[in-house]
C-alpha atoms as a PDB file:
ATOM      1  CA  MET A   1      -5.814   6.553 -31.254  1.00  0.00           C
ATOM      2  CA  ARG A   2      -7.828   7.512 -28.189  1.00  0.00           C
ATOM      3  CA  LYS A   3     -10.775   5.379 -29.369  1.00  0.00           C
ATOM      4  CA  LYS A   4      -8.481   2.433 -30.070  1.00  0.00           C
ATOM      5  CA  LEU A   5      -6.815   2.668 -26.654  1.00  0.00           C
ATOM      6  CA  THR A   6     -10.142   3.083 -24.860  1.00  0.00           C
ATOM      7  CA  ALA A   7     -11.534   0.008 -26.625  1.00  0.00           C
ATOM      8  CA  GLU A   8      -8.387  -1.963 -25.716  1.00  0.00           C
ATOM      9  CA  ALA A   9      -8.699  -0.903 -22.075  1.00  0.00           C
ATOM     10  CA  GLU A  10     -12.303  -2.124 -21.997  1.00  0.00           C
ATOM     11  CA  GLU A  11     -11.332  -5.454 -23.602  1.00  0.00           C
ATOM     12  CA  LEU A  12      -8.451  -5.911 -21.173  1.00  0.00           C
ATOM     13  CA  THR A  13     -10.668  -5.134 -18.201  1.00  0.00           C
ATOM     14  CA  ALA A  14     -13.115  -7.802 -19.373  1.00  0.00           C
ATOM     15  CA  GLU A  15     -10.183 -10.237 -19.767  1.00  0.00           C
ATOM     16  CA  ILE A  16      -9.067  -9.482 -16.215  1.00  0.00           C
ATOM     17  CA  VAL A  17     -12.539 -10.234 -14.856  1.00  0.00           C
ATOM     18  CA  GLN A  18     -12.676 -13.517 -16.800  1.00  0.00           C
ATOM     19  CA  ALA A  19      -9.148 -14.545 -15.779  1.00  0.00           C
ATOM     20  CA  GLU A  20      -9.854 -13.751 -12.126  1.00  0.00           C
ATOM     21  CA  GLU A  21     -13.030 -15.839 -12.261  1.00  0.00           C
ATOM     22  CA  ASN A  22     -11.065 -18.723 -13.799  1.00  0.00           C
ATOM     23  CA  PHE A  23      -8.356 -18.329 -11.165  1.00  0.00           C
ATOM     24  CA  HIS A  24     -10.857 -18.393  -8.304  1.00  0.00           C
ATOM     25  CA  ALA A  25     -12.523 -21.451  -9.826  1.00  0.00           C
ATOM     26  CA  LEU A  26      -9.145 -23.214 -10.001  1.00  0.00           C
ATOM     27  CA  ILE A  27      -8.416 -22.394  -6.376  1.00  0.00           C
ATOM     28  CA  THR A  28     -11.829 -23.679  -5.330  1.00  0.00           C
ATOM     29  CA  GLU A  29     -11.347 -26.882  -7.311  1.00  0.00           C
ATOM     30  CA  SER A  30      -7.832 -27.432  -5.955  1.00  0.00           C
ATOM     31  CA  GLY A  31      -9.287 -28.426  -2.583  1.00  0.00           C
ATOM     32  CA  GLU A  32     -11.112 -31.274  -4.232  1.00  0.00           C
ATOM     33  CA  GLY A  33      -9.320 -34.383  -5.360  1.00  0.00           C
ATOM     34  CA  ALA A  34      -7.367 -35.167  -2.220  1.00  0.00           C
ATOM     35  CA  GLY A  35      -6.385 -38.457  -3.859  1.00  0.00           C
ATOM     36  CA  ASP A  36      -4.695 -36.775  -6.836  1.00  0.00           C
ATOM     37  CA  ASP A  37      -1.368 -38.163  -7.900  1.00  0.00           C
ATOM     38  CA  GLN A  38       1.682 -35.947  -8.470  1.00  0.00           C
ATOM     39  CA  ALA A  39       0.874 -35.375 -12.143  1.00  0.00           C
ATOM     40  CA  ASP A  40      -2.624 -34.130 -11.337  1.00  0.00           C
ATOM     41  CA  ALA A  41      -1.311 -31.863  -8.596  1.00  0.00           C
ATOM     42  CA  GLY A  42       1.353 -30.522 -10.955  1.00  0.00           C
ATOM     43  CA  THR A  43      -1.196 -29.839 -13.663  1.00  0.00           C
ATOM     44  CA  LYS A  44      -3.440 -27.946 -11.242  1.00  0.00           C
ATOM     45  CA  THR A  45      -0.483 -25.896 -10.017  1.00  0.00           C
ATOM     46  CA  PHE A  46       0.529 -25.086 -13.588  1.00  0.00           C
ATOM     47  CA  GLU A  47      -3.028 -24.019 -14.451  1.00  0.00           C
ATOM     48  CA  ARG A  48      -3.222 -21.739 -11.393  1.00  0.00           C
ATOM     49  CA  GLU A  49       0.125 -20.136 -12.196  1.00  0.00           C
ATOM     50  CA  HIS A  50      -0.900 -19.680 -15.825  1.00  0.00           C
ATOM     51  CA  GLU A  51      -4.144 -17.928 -14.822  1.00  0.00           C
ATOM     52  CA  MET A  52      -2.238 -15.719 -12.350  1.00  0.00           C
ATOM     53  CA  SER A  53       0.172 -14.790 -15.125  1.00  0.00           C
ATOM     54  CA  LEU A  54      -2.718 -13.839 -17.419  1.00  0.00           C
ATOM     55  CA  VAL A  55      -4.233 -11.635 -14.715  1.00  0.00           C
ATOM     56  CA  TYR A  56      -0.926  -9.860 -14.008  1.00  0.00           C
ATOM     57  CA  ASN A  57      -0.219  -9.357 -17.710  1.00  0.00           C
ATOM     58  CA  ALA A  58      -3.690  -7.956 -18.394  1.00  0.00           C
ATOM     59  CA  ARG A  59      -3.428  -5.587 -15.417  1.00  0.00           C
ATOM     60  CA  ASP A  60      -0.058  -4.354 -16.678  1.00  0.00           C
ATOM     61  CA  MET A  61      -1.497  -3.755 -20.143  1.00  0.00           C
ATOM     62  CA  VAL A  62      -4.431  -1.806 -18.646  1.00  0.00           C
ATOM     63  CA  GLN A  63      -1.992   0.393 -16.719  1.00  0.00           C
ATOM     64  CA  GLN A  64       0.061   1.018 -19.871  1.00  0.00           C
ATOM     65  CA  THR A  65      -3.108   1.837 -21.809  1.00  0.00           C
ATOM     66  CA  GLU A  66      -4.346   4.230 -19.123  1.00  0.00           C
ATOM     67  CA  ARG A  67      -0.937   5.873 -19.102  1.00  0.00           C
ATOM     68  CA  ALA A  68      -1.108   6.310 -22.893  1.00  0.00           C
ATOM     69  CA  LEU A  69      -4.576   7.874 -22.545  1.00  0.00           C
ATOM     70  CA  ASP A  70      -3.209  10.248 -19.893  1.00  0.00           C
ATOM     71  CA  ARG A  71      -0.383  11.176 -22.254  1.00  0.00           C
ATOM     72  CA  ILE A  72      -2.953  11.979 -24.953  1.00  0.00           C
ATOM     73  CA  GLU A  73      -4.806  14.233 -22.510  1.00  0.00           C
ATOM     74  CA  ASN A  74      -1.556  15.939 -21.477  1.00  0.00           C
ATOM     75  CA  LYS A  75      -0.508  16.395 -25.127  1.00  0.00           C
ATOM     76  CA  THR A  76       2.676  14.387 -24.549  1.00  0.00           C
ATOM     77  CA  TYR A  77       1.571  11.289 -26.473  1.00  0.00           C
ATOM     78  CA  GLY A  78       4.051  10.340 -29.170  1.00  0.00           C
ATOM     79  CA  LYS A  79       7.039  11.979 -27.497  1.00  0.00           C
ATOM     80  CA  CYS A  80       9.817   9.911 -25.963  1.00  0.00           C
ATOM     81  CA  GLU A  81       9.839  10.140 -22.172  1.00  0.00           C
ATOM     82  CA  GLU A  82      13.627   9.844 -22.154  1.00  0.00           C
ATOM     83  CA  CYS A  83      14.910  12.224 -24.834  1.00  0.00           C
ATOM     84  CA  GLY A  84      11.812  14.160 -25.906  1.00  0.00           C
ATOM     85  CA  ASN A  85      12.066  13.180 -29.572  1.00  0.00           C
ATOM     86  CA  PHE A  86       9.078  11.752 -31.390  1.00  0.00           C
ATOM     87  CA  VAL A  87       8.460   8.037 -30.917  1.00  0.00           C
ATOM     88  CA  GLY A  88       7.463   7.573 -34.531  1.00  0.00           C
ATOM     89  CA  LYS A  89       4.144   6.929 -36.201  1.00  0.00           C
ATOM     90  CA  ALA A  90       5.004   3.385 -37.315  1.00  0.00           C
ATOM     91  CA  ARG A  91       6.071   2.401 -33.794  1.00  0.00           C
ATOM     92  CA  LEU A  92       2.881   3.841 -32.285  1.00  0.00           C
ATOM     93  CA  GLN A  93       0.741   2.035 -34.845  1.00  0.00           C
ATOM     94  CA  VAL A  94       2.338  -1.271 -33.882  1.00  0.00           C
ATOM     95  CA  PHE A  95       2.521  -0.559 -30.142  1.00  0.00           C
ATOM     96  CA  PRO A  96       0.272   2.388 -29.207  1.00  0.00           C
ATOM     97  CA  ARG A  97       1.413   2.250 -25.577  1.00  0.00           C
ATOM     98  CA  ALA A  98       5.053   2.988 -26.483  1.00  0.00           C
ATOM     99  CA  THR A  99       6.684   5.658 -24.326  1.00  0.00           C
ATOM    100  CA  LEU A 100      10.215   5.510 -25.715  1.00  0.00           C
ATOM    101  CA  CYS A 101      11.653   6.094 -29.177  1.00  0.00           C
ATOM    102  CA  MET A 102      13.550   3.223 -30.785  1.00  0.00           C
ATOM    103  CA  VAL A 103      16.973   4.573 -29.798  1.00  0.00           C
ATOM    104  CA  CYS A 104      16.038   4.978 -26.126  1.00  0.00           C
ATOM    105  CA  LYS A 105      14.236   1.619 -26.074  1.00  0.00           C
ATOM    106  CA  GLN A 106      17.353  -0.092 -27.442  1.00  0.00           C
ATOM    107  CA  LYS A 107      19.481   1.618 -24.797  1.00  0.00           C
ATOM    108  CA  GLU A 108      17.049   0.466 -22.088  1.00  0.00           C
ATOM    109  CA  GLU A 109      17.124  -3.120 -23.314  1.00  0.00           C
ATOM    110  CA  ARG A 110      20.937  -3.200 -23.297  1.00  0.00           C
ATOM    111  CA  ARG A 111      21.037  -2.269 -19.599  1.00  0.00           C
END
């Protein structure tokens, strides 16, 4: 699991770099085209917001992955942070960054 999470962290970091480069390129290009109509301006705004969203999402995933790696180091990986029960092998295989068991996750989502 450690190898998988480390590889994911590296991939996500590369995605962040690429998304940030795309975002900066969009910002640079947004100054051009002073004669753009409303549709063009709207499209550029949408593209910038989409790239920002990708950057924020990738950063969040990197933080979750680093947290999972820390939990492996601390020998707490696979235990629910809320109740202390095991998260479950199937859940960790699907979402290796999971910190809550299914019962606690359902409770959290109902709040």
